[in-house]
Amino acid sequence: MKLFTNERSLYILFSLLLIFGISCVASKAHLLSFEYLPAVFEHEYAEKEAKAYLINDQEDYYKLLKELKMRQQDRDEYGEYWEKYSLLLVYGGTRPSSGYHIQTDTIIQKGKEMEVLATLHEPGNNCMVADMITYPVQLLAIPKTYVKGDIGLVIKSRKKPCR
């Protein structure tokens, strides 16, 4: 049985394969390295969804904290980071109790897009937790090579066993 009986069909097929192959190479994804930064934040009540925020300088950092109704307790200025790094705030959203924390697993850059893959650790079903609103958040330093574009946050949930 012949699938392609003429040269034109073969030419179209190979052209499509070549174009597809080149576009895959041109938009190849790669992993971004990152460093966890210790930070403790105080929050005012704000109903917010989980999201990742890219911060390029000190001024943008304080604007974002104000927008999210947050204050950093330890007041670190991150002065040594701004020349070589941008900060990435991974915000886990508003949560109904204590016992939640967010952990960034991988950051993937593809062209002008960045995808942050994170795990939201939540308390198990029978865990004793404080009855209070919490906001899991993580602060990361990433190389300044990332060009600002769309940032996607993909969160998987994982229940923690009670101790």
Protein backbone atom coordinates (compact mmCIF):
# COMPACT_ATOMS: atom_id res chain seq x y z
CA MET A 1 0.00 0.00 0.00
CA LYS A 2 1.43 3.38 -1.00
CA LEU A 3 0.60 6.35 1.24
CA PHE A 4 2.31 9.02 -0.84
CA THR A 5 2.30 8.38 -4.54
CA ASN A 6 3.53 11.68 -5.85
CA GLU A 7 6.49 13.96 -5.26
CA ARG A 8 4.35 16.95 -4.27
CA SER A 9 2.89 15.11 -1.25
CA LEU A 10 6.37 14.07 -0.13
CA TYR A 11 7.66 17.64 -0.60
CA ILE A 12 4.81 19.06 1.54
CA LEU A 13 5.33 16.43 4.23
CA PHE A 14 9.09 17.03 4.49
CA SER A 15 8.60 20.82 4.43
CA LEU A 16 6.18 20.61 7.35
CA LEU A 17 8.55 18.36 9.29
CA LEU A 18 11.44 20.76 8.67
CA ILE A 19 9.42 23.82 9.72
CA PHE A 20 8.14 22.06 12.83
CA GLY A 21 11.65 20.91 13.73
CA ILE A 22 13.11 24.42 13.38
CA SER A 23 10.33 26.00 15.44
CA CYS A 24 10.87 23.43 18.21
CA VAL A 25 14.59 24.21 18.33
CA ALA A 26 14.00 27.99 18.27
CA SER A 27 11.59 27.89 21.20
CA LYS A 28 13.44 25.31 23.25
CA ALA A 29 12.63 25.45 26.94
CA HIS A 30 15.35 25.46 29.56
CA LEU A 31 15.48 25.38 33.33
CA LEU A 32 16.29 28.55 35.24
CA SER A 33 18.47 28.29 38.30
CA PHE A 34 17.14 29.90 41.46
CA GLU A 35 18.11 30.53 45.04
CA TYR A 36 15.76 30.53 48.02
CA LEU A 37 15.88 33.76 50.03
CA PRO A 38 14.89 33.72 53.68
CA ALA A 39 12.07 36.16 54.27
CA VAL A 40 9.34 36.48 56.88
CA PHE A 41 6.27 38.52 55.97
CA GLU A 42 3.38 40.04 57.91
CA HIS A 43 0.06 40.21 56.05
CA GLU A 44 -3.07 42.25 56.31
CA TYR A 45 -6.20 40.41 55.25
CA ALA A 46 -6.44 40.29 51.46
CA GLU A 47 -8.32 37.77 49.35
CA LYS A 48 -5.72 36.90 46.70
CA GLU A 49 -5.22 34.06 44.25
CA ALA A 50 -1.97 32.16 43.89
CA LYS A 51 0.40 33.91 41.49
CA ALA A 52 4.09 34.43 40.74
CA TYR A 53 5.49 37.96 40.53
CA LEU A 54 8.76 39.04 38.91
CA ILE A 55 10.54 41.94 40.65
CA ASN A 56 13.44 43.75 38.97
CA ASP A 57 14.40 46.41 41.52
CA GLN A 58 13.91 47.61 45.08
CA GLU A 59 11.20 50.12 44.13
CA ASP A 60 9.10 47.42 42.36
CA TYR A 61 9.59 45.16 45.37
CA TYR A 62 8.05 47.64 47.81
CA LYS A 63 5.22 48.49 45.37
CA LEU A 64 4.32 44.81 45.13
CA LEU A 65 4.41 44.32 48.89
CA LYS A 66 2.06 47.28 49.28
CA GLU A 67 -0.29 45.91 46.60
CA LEU A 68 -0.38 42.51 48.34
CA LYS A 69 -0.80 44.18 51.76
CA MET A 70 2.43 42.64 53.05
CA ARG A 71 5.40 43.84 55.08
CA GLN A 72 8.71 42.07 55.35
CA GLN A 73 9.61 41.57 59.01
CA ASP A 74 13.37 41.33 58.68
CA ARG A 75 13.65 44.36 56.32
CA ASP A 76 16.42 42.91 54.16
CA GLU A 77 17.14 45.23 51.23
CA TYR A 78 18.66 42.51 48.96
CA GLY A 79 21.15 45.15 47.78
CA GLU A 80 23.69 42.62 46.48
CA TYR A 81 21.04 40.88 44.36
CA TRP A 82 19.64 43.68 42.20
CA GLU A 83 22.60 43.91 39.78
CA LYS A 84 22.72 40.22 38.83
CA TYR A 85 19.33 38.91 39.94
CA SER A 86 15.64 39.58 39.82
CA LEU A 87 13.42 38.41 42.63
CA LEU A 88 10.50 36.08 42.11
CA LEU A 89 7.74 36.11 44.72
CA VAL A 90 5.73 32.89 44.59
CA TYR A 91 2.47 33.67 46.37
CA GLY A 92 0.32 30.72 47.42
CA GLY A 93 -2.89 32.70 47.79
CA THR A 94 -5.21 33.07 50.77
CA ARG A 95 -5.55 29.86 52.85
CA PRO A 96 -8.10 29.06 55.60
CA SER A 97 -5.75 27.87 58.37
CA SER A 98 -2.15 27.43 59.41
CA GLY A 99 -0.21 24.43 58.17
CA TYR A 100 0.21 25.57 54.54
CA HIS A 101 3.51 26.30 52.83
CA ILE A 102 4.61 26.59 49.22
CA GLN A 103 7.77 25.15 47.69
CA THR A 104 9.07 25.96 44.22
CA ASP A 105 10.19 22.82 42.42
CA THR A 106 11.23 24.02 38.95
CA ILE A 107 11.30 27.19 36.87
CA ILE A 108 11.16 26.75 33.09
CA GLN A 109 11.87 29.52 30.59
CA LYS A 110 10.64 29.23 27.02
CA GLY A 111 11.24 32.36 24.97
CA LYS A 112 9.60 35.26 26.82
CA GLU A 113 7.46 32.97 28.94
CA MET A 114 8.30 31.56 32.35
CA GLU A 115 6.50 28.74 34.09
CA VAL A 116 6.91 28.19 37.81
CA LEU A 117 6.11 24.69 39.03
CA ALA A 118 5.41 24.60 42.75
CA THR A 119 3.92 22.35 45.41
CA LEU A 120 1.45 23.70 47.94
CA HIS A 121 1.84 21.59 51.07
CA GLU A 122 -1.39 21.57 53.04
CA PRO A 123 -2.31 20.02 56.37
CA GLY A 124 -3.72 16.49 56.36
CA ASN A 125 -7.38 15.83 57.11
CA ASN A 126 -7.02 15.17 60.85
CA CYS A 127 -4.17 17.58 61.61
CA MET A 128 -4.59 20.14 64.38
CA VAL A 129 -4.02 23.61 62.93
CA ALA A 130 -4.57 27.17 64.11
CA ASP A 131 -7.85 28.61 62.92
CA MET A 132 -6.45 31.66 61.12
CA ILE A 133 -6.05 32.97 57.58
CA THR A 134 -2.54 32.37 56.21
CA TYR A 135 -0.64 33.32 53.06
CA PRO A 136 2.08 30.89 52.01
CA VAL A 137 4.81 32.77 50.14
CA GLN A 138 8.32 32.08 48.93
CA LEU A 139 10.96 34.54 47.73
CA LEU A 140 13.52 33.45 45.13
CA ALA A 141 16.45 35.05 43.30
CA ILE A 142 16.73 34.23 39.57
CA PRO A 143 19.32 35.39 37.00
CA LYS A 144 18.50 38.76 35.42
CA THR A 145 18.78 37.13 31.99
CA TYR A 146 15.03 36.49 31.99
CA VAL A 147 13.22 38.95 29.72
CA LYS A 148 9.98 40.12 31.30
CA GLY A 149 7.03 38.34 29.76
CA ASP A 150 4.20 36.07 30.81
CA ILE A 151 4.65 34.11 34.03
CA GLY A 152 2.57 31.04 34.64
CA LEU A 153 2.22 29.35 38.01
CA VAL A 154 1.33 25.67 38.14
CA ILE A 155 0.61 24.44 41.66
CA LYS A 156 0.08 20.88 42.70
CA SER A 157 -1.32 20.22 46.15
CA ARG A 158 0.12 17.70 48.56
CA LYS A 159 -1.35 16.80 51.93
CA LYS A 160 1.17 16.56 54.75
CA PRO A 161 0.78 13.79 57.32
CA CYS A 162 0.11 14.89 60.88
CA ARG A 163 2.87 14.41 63.44
